[in-house]
């Protein structure tokens, strides 16, 4: 990657200090909410696909420090930075980041985990490409979104969960590639009067319940402030109770 500037960003009201490259993809609200949606408990094993600088995995560990988390990322510079972030936040004993390609997993990662999460590349056309080549690489799915989903499902243990956050306009394509049973969709609304821009999709392996669409979460008040439910997640690291949340 060469010489690249790094910023230090604070998450969960300053509980986490995470260094990120100023160029390329930078994690923010999506990663925090994704981590909040994973129903992990102490003793569980967790895998993050495409972990970047480690924001989602470290936010999850801040809430559930007794779980064991592996983040995988294809960019070796990001892997090094993520491991530095884990060490700096006192989490290196329970979170590790490894270099691997989601589309071609090494043998040591071809096992199952209690929970799998990912924020996959979700732009699907050249027209949506970023002028920043590093950011474009992280965001363009190059037709591989379904392969990311299949990898996540294969790595999810029986009775475990696979949780994804992505753009709302990719919902149909995503649902088409998932099982008929055990799928929950949870929209994230910017405001009450605005269309959802993001959705959380969670697959519960082994559940017979058919597709369920929940009301979702409204993030902002009309004046732009975060609503209390969103603020509790973003500032306090609260869990997002998908089945119990209401608009």
C-alpha atoms as a PDB file:
ATOM      1  CA  UNK A   1       0.000   0.000   0.000  1.00  0.00           C
ATOM      2  CA  UNK A   2       2.946   2.330   0.532  1.00  0.00           C
ATOM      3  CA  UNK A   3       2.886   5.318   2.856  1.00  0.00           C
ATOM      4  CA  UNK A   4      -0.713   5.974   3.833  1.00  0.00           C
ATOM      5  CA  UNK A   5      -2.100   8.412   6.348  1.00  0.00           C
ATOM      6  CA  UNK A   6      -3.945   7.002   9.340  1.00  0.00           C
ATOM      7  CA  UNK A   7      -6.617   8.614  11.497  1.00  0.00           C
ATOM      8  CA  UNK A   8      -7.719   7.577  14.964  1.00  0.00           C
ATOM      9  CA  UNK A   9     -11.481   7.345  15.301  1.00  0.00           C
ATOM     10  CA  UNK A  10     -13.543   6.817  18.426  1.00  0.00           C
ATOM     11  CA  UNK A  11     -16.473   4.411  18.647  1.00  0.00           C
ATOM     12  CA  UNK A  12     -18.989   3.599  21.390  1.00  0.00           C
ATOM     13  CA  UNK A  13     -18.643   7.009  23.000  1.00  0.00           C
ATOM     14  CA  UNK A  14     -14.869   6.741  23.100  1.00  0.00           C
ATOM     15  CA  UNK A  15     -14.647   3.240  24.579  1.00  0.00           C
ATOM     16  CA  UNK A  16     -12.883   2.088  21.419  1.00  0.00           C
ATOM     17  CA  UNK A  17     -10.103   3.973  19.703  1.00  0.00           C
ATOM     18  CA  UNK A  18      -9.585   2.545  16.259  1.00  0.00           C
ATOM     19  CA  UNK A  19      -7.030   3.569  13.681  1.00  0.00           C
ATOM     20  CA  UNK A  20      -8.152   3.539  10.054  1.00  0.00           C
ATOM     21  CA  UNK A  21      -6.485   4.448   6.791  1.00  0.00           C
ATOM     22  CA  UNK A  22      -7.666   7.811   5.509  1.00  0.00           C
ATOM     23  CA  UNK A  23      -7.922   6.354   1.985  1.00  0.00           C
ATOM     24  CA  UNK A  24     -10.059   3.406   1.018  1.00  0.00           C
ATOM     25  CA  UNK A  25     -13.091   2.050   2.842  1.00  0.00           C
ATOM     26  CA  UNK A  26     -13.629   3.436   6.344  1.00  0.00           C
ATOM     27  CA  UNK A  27     -16.013   1.800   8.790  1.00  0.00           C
ATOM     28  CA  UNK A  28     -18.683   3.820  10.553  1.00  0.00           C
ATOM     29  CA  UNK A  29     -22.318   3.476  11.590  1.00  0.00           C
ATOM     30  CA  UNK A  30     -22.941   0.312   9.524  1.00  0.00           C
ATOM     31  CA  UNK A  31     -20.216  -1.632  11.336  1.00  0.00           C
ATOM     32  CA  UNK A  32     -21.460  -0.608  14.782  1.00  0.00           C
ATOM     33  CA  UNK A  33     -25.068  -1.573  14.036  1.00  0.00           C
ATOM     34  CA  UNK A  34     -23.995  -4.833  12.409  1.00  0.00           C
ATOM     35  CA  UNK A  35     -22.073  -5.795  15.557  1.00  0.00           C
ATOM     36  CA  UNK A  36     -25.059  -4.858  17.729  1.00  0.00           C
ATOM     37  CA  UNK A  37     -27.334  -7.193  15.758  1.00  0.00           C
ATOM     38  CA  UNK A  38     -25.253 -10.337  16.374  1.00  0.00           C
ATOM     39  CA  UNK A  39     -26.847 -12.320  19.259  1.00  0.00           C
ATOM     40  CA  UNK A  40     -23.544 -13.657  20.591  1.00  0.00           C
ATOM     41  CA  UNK A  41     -23.083 -14.728  24.190  1.00  0.00           C
ATOM     42  CA  UNK A  42     -20.120 -15.716  26.313  1.00  0.00           C
ATOM     43  CA  UNK A  43     -18.263 -18.744  24.994  1.00  0.00           C
ATOM     44  CA  UNK A  44     -19.503 -18.379  21.402  1.00  0.00           C
ATOM     45  CA  UNK A  45     -17.214 -18.377  18.383  1.00  0.00           C
ATOM     46  CA  UNK A  46     -17.599 -15.613  15.807  1.00  0.00           C
ATOM     47  CA  UNK A  47     -16.296 -15.075  12.271  1.00  0.00           C
ATOM     48  CA  UNK A  48     -16.339 -11.760  10.417  1.00  0.00           C
ATOM     49  CA  UNK A  49     -15.957 -11.832   6.637  1.00  0.00           C
ATOM     50  CA  UNK A  50     -14.154  -8.792   5.252  1.00  0.00           C
ATOM     51  CA  UNK A  51     -13.190  -7.280   8.598  1.00  0.00           C
ATOM     52  CA  UNK A  52     -11.312  -4.191   7.373  1.00  0.00           C
ATOM     53  CA  UNK A  53      -9.712  -2.317  10.272  1.00  0.00           C
ATOM     54  CA  UNK A  54     -11.681  -4.442  12.746  1.00  0.00           C
ATOM     55  CA  UNK A  55     -14.446  -2.058  13.814  1.00  0.00           C
ATOM     56  CA  UNK A  56     -17.377  -4.509  13.799  1.00  0.00           C
ATOM     57  CA  UNK A  57     -15.468  -7.330  15.510  1.00  0.00           C
ATOM     58  CA  UNK A  58     -14.106  -5.009  18.185  1.00  0.00           C
ATOM     59  CA  UNK A  59     -17.530  -3.433  18.816  1.00  0.00           C
ATOM     60  CA  UNK A  60     -18.992  -6.913  19.258  1.00  0.00           C
ATOM     61  CA  UNK A  61     -16.198  -7.865  21.655  1.00  0.00           C
ATOM     62  CA  UNK A  62     -16.767  -4.696  23.676  1.00  0.00           C
ATOM     63  CA  UNK A  63     -20.316  -5.947  24.301  1.00  0.00           C
ATOM     64  CA  UNK A  64     -19.505  -9.664  24.658  1.00  0.00           C
ATOM     65  CA  UNK A  65     -15.876  -9.938  25.798  1.00  0.00           C
ATOM     66  CA  UNK A  66     -16.195 -13.660  26.547  1.00  0.00           C
ATOM     67  CA  UNK A  67     -16.686 -14.666  22.899  1.00  0.00           C
ATOM     68  CA  UNK A  68     -13.814 -15.641  20.594  1.00  0.00           C
ATOM     69  CA  UNK A  69     -13.727 -13.743  17.321  1.00  0.00           C
ATOM     70  CA  UNK A  70     -11.796 -14.210  14.095  1.00  0.00           C
ATOM     71  CA  UNK A  71     -11.853 -11.476  11.465  1.00  0.00           C
ATOM     72  CA  UNK A  72     -10.701 -12.266   7.953  1.00  0.00           C
ATOM     73  CA  UNK A  73      -9.607  -9.674   5.421  1.00  0.00           C
ATOM     74  CA  UNK A  74      -7.885  -9.955   2.036  1.00  0.00           C
ATOM     75  CA  UNK A  75      -5.783  -6.778   2.448  1.00  0.00           C
ATOM     76  CA  UNK A  76      -2.654  -7.565   4.475  1.00  0.00           C
ATOM     77  CA  UNK A  77      -2.182  -3.923   5.521  1.00  0.00           C
ATOM     78  CA  UNK A  78      -5.690  -3.842   6.976  1.00  0.00           C
ATOM     79  CA  UNK A  79      -5.065  -7.132   8.775  1.00  0.00           C
ATOM     80  CA  UNK A  80      -1.976  -5.664  10.442  1.00  0.00           C
ATOM     81  CA  UNK A  81      -3.861  -2.498  11.375  1.00  0.00           C
ATOM     82  CA  UNK A  82      -6.812  -4.478  12.777  1.00  0.00           C
ATOM     83  CA  UNK A  83      -4.530  -6.587  14.971  1.00  0.00           C
ATOM     84  CA  UNK A  84      -2.891  -3.396  16.221  1.00  0.00           C
ATOM     85  CA  UNK A  85      -6.354  -2.049  17.035  1.00  0.00           C
ATOM     86  CA  UNK A  86      -7.222  -5.208  18.950  1.00  0.00           C
ATOM     87  CA  UNK A  87      -4.023  -4.915  20.976  1.00  0.00           C
ATOM     88  CA  UNK A  88      -4.476  -1.189  21.635  1.00  0.00           C
ATOM     89  CA  UNK A  89      -7.997  -1.797  22.966  1.00  0.00           C
ATOM     90  CA  UNK A  90      -6.981  -4.719  25.203  1.00  0.00           C
ATOM     91  CA  UNK A  91      -8.768  -7.333  23.097  1.00  0.00           C
ATOM     92  CA  UNK A  92      -5.915  -9.244  21.458  1.00  0.00           C
ATOM     93  CA  UNK A  93      -6.545 -12.276  23.668  1.00  0.00           C
ATOM     94  CA  UNK A  94     -10.024 -12.853  22.243  1.00  0.00           C
ATOM     95  CA  UNK A  95      -9.949 -11.229  18.782  1.00  0.00           C
ATOM     96  CA  UNK A  96      -7.540 -12.012  15.975  1.00  0.00           C
ATOM     97  CA  UNK A  97      -7.455 -10.953  12.349  1.00  0.00           C
ATOM     98  CA  UNK A  98      -6.075 -13.082   9.535  1.00  0.00           C
ATOM     99  CA  UNK A  99      -5.408 -12.546   5.850  1.00  0.00           C
ATOM    100  CA  UNK A 100      -7.730 -14.614   3.684  1.00  0.00           C
ATOM    101  CA  UNK A 101      -9.952 -14.365   0.618  1.00  0.00           C
ATOM    102  CA  UNK A 102     -13.668 -14.807   1.325  1.00  0.00           C
ATOM    103  CA  UNK A 103     -14.044 -16.503  -2.052  1.00  0.00           C
ATOM    104  CA  UNK A 104     -11.219 -18.975  -1.401  1.00  0.00           C
ATOM    105  CA  UNK A 105     -10.922 -19.788   2.285  1.00  0.00           C
ATOM    106  CA  UNK A 106      -7.806 -21.485   3.629  1.00  0.00           C
ATOM    107  CA  UNK A 107      -8.315 -24.901   5.274  1.00  0.00           C
ATOM    108  CA  UNK A 108      -8.042 -23.550   8.827  1.00  0.00           C
ATOM    109  CA  UNK A 109     -11.129 -21.375   8.277  1.00  0.00           C
ATOM    110  CA  UNK A 110     -13.244 -24.084   6.666  1.00  0.00           C
ATOM    111  CA  UNK A 111     -14.990 -24.828   9.919  1.00  0.00           C
ATOM    112  CA  UNK A 112     -18.194 -23.556  11.464  1.00  0.00           C
ATOM    113  CA  UNK A 113     -18.796 -20.735  13.921  1.00  0.00           C
ATOM    114  CA  UNK A 114     -21.702 -19.925  16.221  1.00  0.00           C
ATOM    115  CA  UNK A 115     -22.124 -16.562  14.491  1.00  0.00           C
ATOM    116  CA  UNK A 116     -20.922 -15.134  11.192  1.00  0.00           C
ATOM    117  CA  UNK A 117     -21.244 -11.486  10.239  1.00  0.00           C
ATOM    118  CA  UNK A 118     -20.307  -9.357   7.273  1.00  0.00           C
ATOM    119  CA  UNK A 119     -20.715  -6.007   5.589  1.00  0.00           C
ATOM    120  CA  UNK A 120     -20.050  -7.240   2.050  1.00  0.00           C
ATOM    121  CA  UNK A 121     -19.128  -5.173  -1.005  1.00  0.00           C
ATOM    122  CA  UNK A 122     -22.543  -4.026  -2.206  1.00  0.00           C
ATOM    123  CA  UNK A 123     -22.111  -1.690  -5.193  1.00  0.00           C
ATOM    124  CA  UNK A 124     -22.979  -3.501  -8.396  1.00  0.00           C
ATOM    125  CA  UNK A 125     -22.129  -1.261 -11.362  1.00  0.00           C
ATOM    126  CA  UNK A 126     -19.281   0.775 -12.740  1.00  0.00           C
ATOM    127  CA  UNK A 127     -21.487   3.862 -12.460  1.00  0.00           C
ATOM    128  CA  UNK A 128     -21.339   3.497  -8.682  1.00  0.00           C
ATOM    129  CA  UNK A 129     -17.560   3.142  -8.555  1.00  0.00           C
ATOM    130  CA  UNK A 130     -15.608   5.435  -6.244  1.00  0.00           C
ATOM    131  CA  UNK A 131     -12.766   7.542  -7.719  1.00  0.00           C
ATOM    132  CA  UNK A 132     -10.644   6.228  -4.829  1.00  0.00           C
ATOM    133  CA  UNK A 133      -9.371   2.907  -6.175  1.00  0.00           C
ATOM    134  CA  UNK A 134      -8.931   1.417  -2.682  1.00  0.00           C
ATOM    135  CA  UNK A 135     -12.482   2.366  -1.696  1.00  0.00           C
ATOM    136  CA  UNK A 136     -13.838   1.069  -5.003  1.00  0.00           C
ATOM    137  CA  UNK A 137     -12.108  -2.273  -4.446  1.00  0.00           C
ATOM    138  CA  UNK A 138     -13.727  -2.591  -1.024  1.00  0.00           C
ATOM    139  CA  UNK A 139     -17.220  -1.636  -2.231  1.00  0.00           C
ATOM    140  CA  UNK A 140     -17.585  -3.225  -5.679  1.00  0.00           C
ATOM    141  CA  UNK A 141     -18.944  -6.763  -5.483  1.00  0.00           C
ATOM    142  CA  UNK A 142     -17.966  -7.561  -9.109  1.00  0.00           C
ATOM    143  CA  UNK A 143     -20.877  -9.987  -9.260  1.00  0.00           C
ATOM    144  CA  UNK A 144     -19.783 -11.939  -6.184  1.00  0.00           C
ATOM    145  CA  UNK A 145     -22.387 -10.931  -3.588  1.00  0.00           C
ATOM    146  CA  UNK A 146     -24.075 -14.337  -3.781  1.00  0.00           C
ATOM    147  CA  UNK A 147     -20.720 -16.055  -3.236  1.00  0.00           C
ATOM    148  CA  UNK A 148     -20.122 -13.967  -0.104  1.00  0.00           C
ATOM    149  CA  UNK A 149     -23.539 -15.032   1.172  1.00  0.00           C
ATOM    150  CA  UNK A 150     -22.922 -18.696   0.434  1.00  0.00           C
ATOM    151  CA  UNK A 151     -19.563 -18.565   2.217  1.00  0.00           C
ATOM    152  CA  UNK A 152     -21.223 -17.053   5.274  1.00  0.00           C
ATOM    153  CA  UNK A 153     -23.962 -19.671   5.333  1.00  0.00           C
ATOM    154  CA  UNK A 154     -21.494 -22.546   4.997  1.00  0.00           C
ATOM    155  CA  UNK A 155     -19.434 -21.254   7.909  1.00  0.00           C
ATOM    156  CA  UNK A 156     -22.479 -20.852  10.208  1.00  0.00           C
ATOM    157  CA  UNK A 157     -23.025 -23.720  12.641  1.00  0.00           C
ATOM    158  CA  UNK A 158     -26.355 -25.447  13.175  1.00  0.00           C
ATOM    159  CA  UNK A 159     -28.579 -23.206  15.343  1.00  0.00           C
ATOM    160  CA  UNK A 160     -26.176 -20.322  14.739  1.00  0.00           C
ATOM    161  CA  UNK A 161     -26.749 -17.010  12.973  1.00  0.00           C
ATOM    162  CA  UNK A 162     -25.447 -15.332   9.842  1.00  0.00           C
ATOM    163  CA  UNK A 163     -25.925 -11.551   9.950  1.00  0.00           C
ATOM    164  CA  UNK A 164     -25.420  -9.158   7.025  1.00  0.00           C
ATOM    165  CA  UNK A 165     -25.892  -5.414   6.577  1.00  0.00           C
ATOM    166  CA  UNK A 166     -26.237  -4.042   3.072  1.00  0.00           C
ATOM    167  CA  UNK A 167     -28.015  -1.534   0.878  1.00  0.00           C
ATOM    168  CA  UNK A 168     -31.791  -1.828   0.828  1.00  0.00           C
ATOM    169  CA  UNK A 169     -31.888  -1.955  -2.968  1.00  0.00           C
ATOM    170  CA  UNK A 170     -29.910  -5.211  -2.945  1.00  0.00           C
ATOM    171  CA  UNK A 171     -32.541  -6.931  -0.794  1.00  0.00           C
ATOM    172  CA  UNK A 172     -34.254  -8.958  -3.521  1.00  0.00           C
ATOM    173  CA  UNK A 173     -31.001 -10.300  -4.910  1.00  0.00           C
ATOM    174  CA  UNK A 174     -29.878 -11.223  -1.413  1.00  0.00           C
ATOM    175  CA  UNK A 175     -33.104 -12.972  -0.428  1.00  0.00           C
ATOM    176  CA  UNK A 176     -33.044 -14.988  -3.650  1.00  0.00           C
ATOM    177  CA  UNK A 177     -29.748 -16.522  -2.538  1.00  0.00           C
ATOM    178  CA  UNK A 178     -30.815 -17.454   1.003  1.00  0.00           C
ATOM    179  CA  UNK A 179     -32.786 -20.399   2.448  1.00  0.00           C
ATOM    180  CA  UNK A 180     -36.585 -20.219   2.592  1.00  0.00           C
ATOM    181  CA  UNK A 181     -36.666 -20.707   6.359  1.00  0.00           C
ATOM    182  CA  UNK A 182     -35.108 -18.815   9.232  1.00  0.00           C
ATOM    183  CA  UNK A 183     -34.589 -15.495   7.409  1.00  0.00           C
ATOM    184  CA  UNK A 184     -35.323 -12.181   9.124  1.00  0.00           C
ATOM    185  CA  UNK A 185     -35.161  -8.754   7.466  1.00  0.00           C
ATOM    186  CA  UNK A 186     -34.800  -5.646   9.601  1.00  0.00           C
ATOM    187  CA  UNK A 187     -34.827  -2.251   7.820  1.00  0.00           C
ATOM    188  CA  UNK A 188     -32.901   0.779   9.049  1.00  0.00           C
ATOM    189  CA  UNK A 189     -34.868   3.975   8.389  1.00  0.00           C
ATOM    190  CA  UNK A 190     -32.986   7.328   8.394  1.00  0.00           C
ATOM    191  CA  UNK A 191     -36.222   9.029   9.561  1.00  0.00           C
ATOM    192  CA  UNK A 192     -39.868   8.057   9.852  1.00  0.00           C
ATOM    193  CA  UNK A 193     -40.712   9.701   6.544  1.00  0.00           C
ATOM    194  CA  UNK A 194     -37.689   8.386   4.591  1.00  0.00           C
ATOM    195  CA  UNK A 195     -37.100   5.197   2.648  1.00  0.00           C
ATOM    196  CA  UNK A 196     -34.781   2.626   4.216  1.00  0.00           C
ATOM    197  CA  UNK A 197     -31.211   2.855   2.928  1.00  0.00           C
ATOM    198  CA  UNK A 198     -29.826  -0.161   4.784  1.00  0.00           C
ATOM    199  CA  UNK A 199     -31.248  -3.497   5.879  1.00  0.00           C
ATOM    200  CA  UNK A 200     -30.001  -6.111   8.276  1.00  0.00           C
ATOM    201  CA  UNK A 201     -30.602  -9.667   7.149  1.00  0.00           C
ATOM    202  CA  UNK A 202     -30.206 -12.427   9.688  1.00  0.00           C
ATOM    203  CA  UNK A 203     -30.381 -16.142   8.968  1.00  0.00           C
ATOM    204  CA  UNK A 204     -30.998 -18.520  11.886  1.00  0.00           C
ATOM    205  CA  UNK A 205     -29.692 -21.897  10.800  1.00  0.00           C
ATOM    206  CA  UNK A 206     -32.032 -24.720  11.745  1.00  0.00           C
ATOM    207  CA  UNK A 207     -35.115 -22.560  12.381  1.00  0.00           C
ATOM    208  CA  UNK A 208     -38.267 -23.537  10.512  1.00  0.00           C
ATOM    209  CA  UNK A 209     -39.911 -20.111  10.691  1.00  0.00           C
ATOM    210  CA  UNK A 210     -40.596 -18.667   7.250  1.00  0.00           C
ATOM    211  CA  UNK A 211     -39.355 -15.300   6.024  1.00  0.00           C
ATOM    212  CA  UNK A 212     -40.077 -12.528   8.559  1.00  0.00           C
ATOM    213  CA  UNK A 213     -40.039  -8.780   7.913  1.00  0.00           C
ATOM    214  CA  UNK A 214     -39.783  -6.738  11.112  1.00  0.00           C
ATOM    215  CA  UNK A 215     -40.684  -3.035  11.495  1.00  0.00           C
ATOM    216  CA  UNK A 216     -37.024  -2.084  11.845  1.00  0.00           C
ATOM    217  CA  UNK A 217     -35.338   0.847  13.527  1.00  0.00           C
ATOM    218  CA  UNK A 218     -35.706   4.583  12.843  1.00  0.00           C
ATOM    219  CA  UNK A 219     -32.305   6.176  13.413  1.00  0.00           C
ATOM    220  CA  UNK A 220     -33.004   9.927  13.591  1.00  0.00           C
ATOM    221  CA  UNK A 221     -35.579  12.317  14.973  1.00  0.00           C
ATOM    222  CA  UNK A 222     -36.953  14.962  12.608  1.00  0.00           C
ATOM    223  CA  UNK A 223     -34.351  17.430  13.897  1.00  0.00           C
ATOM    224  CA  UNK A 224     -31.479  15.089  13.031  1.00  0.00           C
ATOM    225  CA  UNK A 225     -30.718  13.840  16.544  1.00  0.00           C
ATOM    226  CA  UNK A 226     -30.347  10.108  17.023  1.00  0.00           C
ATOM    227  CA  UNK A 227     -33.416   8.516  18.536  1.00  0.00           C
ATOM    228  CA  UNK A 228     -32.843   6.935  21.986  1.00  0.00           C
ATOM    229  CA  UNK A 229     -32.812   3.367  20.630  1.00  0.00           C
ATOM    230  CA  UNK A 230     -30.147   4.227  18.037  1.00  0.00           C
ATOM    231  CA  UNK A 231     -28.163   6.301  20.512  1.00  0.00           C
ATOM    232  CA  UNK A 232     -28.025   3.378  22.942  1.00  0.00           C
ATOM    233  CA  UNK A 233     -26.432   1.233  20.221  1.00  0.00           C
ATOM    234  CA  UNK A 234     -24.019   3.791  18.824  1.00  0.00           C
ATOM    235  CA  UNK A 235     -22.879   5.344  22.118  1.00  0.00           C
ATOM    236  CA  UNK A 236     -23.473   2.689  24.765  1.00  0.00           C
ATOM    237  CA  UNK A 237     -22.844  -0.479  22.740  1.00  0.00           C
ATOM    238  CA  UNK A 238     -26.313  -1.880  23.430  1.00  0.00           C
ATOM    239  CA  UNK A 239     -27.505  -4.976  21.603  1.00  0.00           C
ATOM    240  CA  UNK A 240     -29.981  -4.500  18.784  1.00  0.00           C
ATOM    241  CA  UNK A 241     -32.891  -6.773  19.669  1.00  0.00           C
ATOM    242  CA  UNK A 242     -34.178  -7.396  16.181  1.00  0.00           C
ATOM    243  CA  UNK A 243     -37.319  -9.344  17.089  1.00  0.00           C
ATOM    244  CA  UNK A 244     -38.357  -6.906  19.786  1.00  0.00           C
ATOM    245  CA  UNK A 245     -37.553  -3.535  18.141  1.00  0.00           C
ATOM    246  CA  UNK A 246     -40.346  -1.307  16.934  1.00  0.00           C
ATOM    247  CA  UNK A 247     -40.631   1.767  14.801  1.00  0.00           C
END
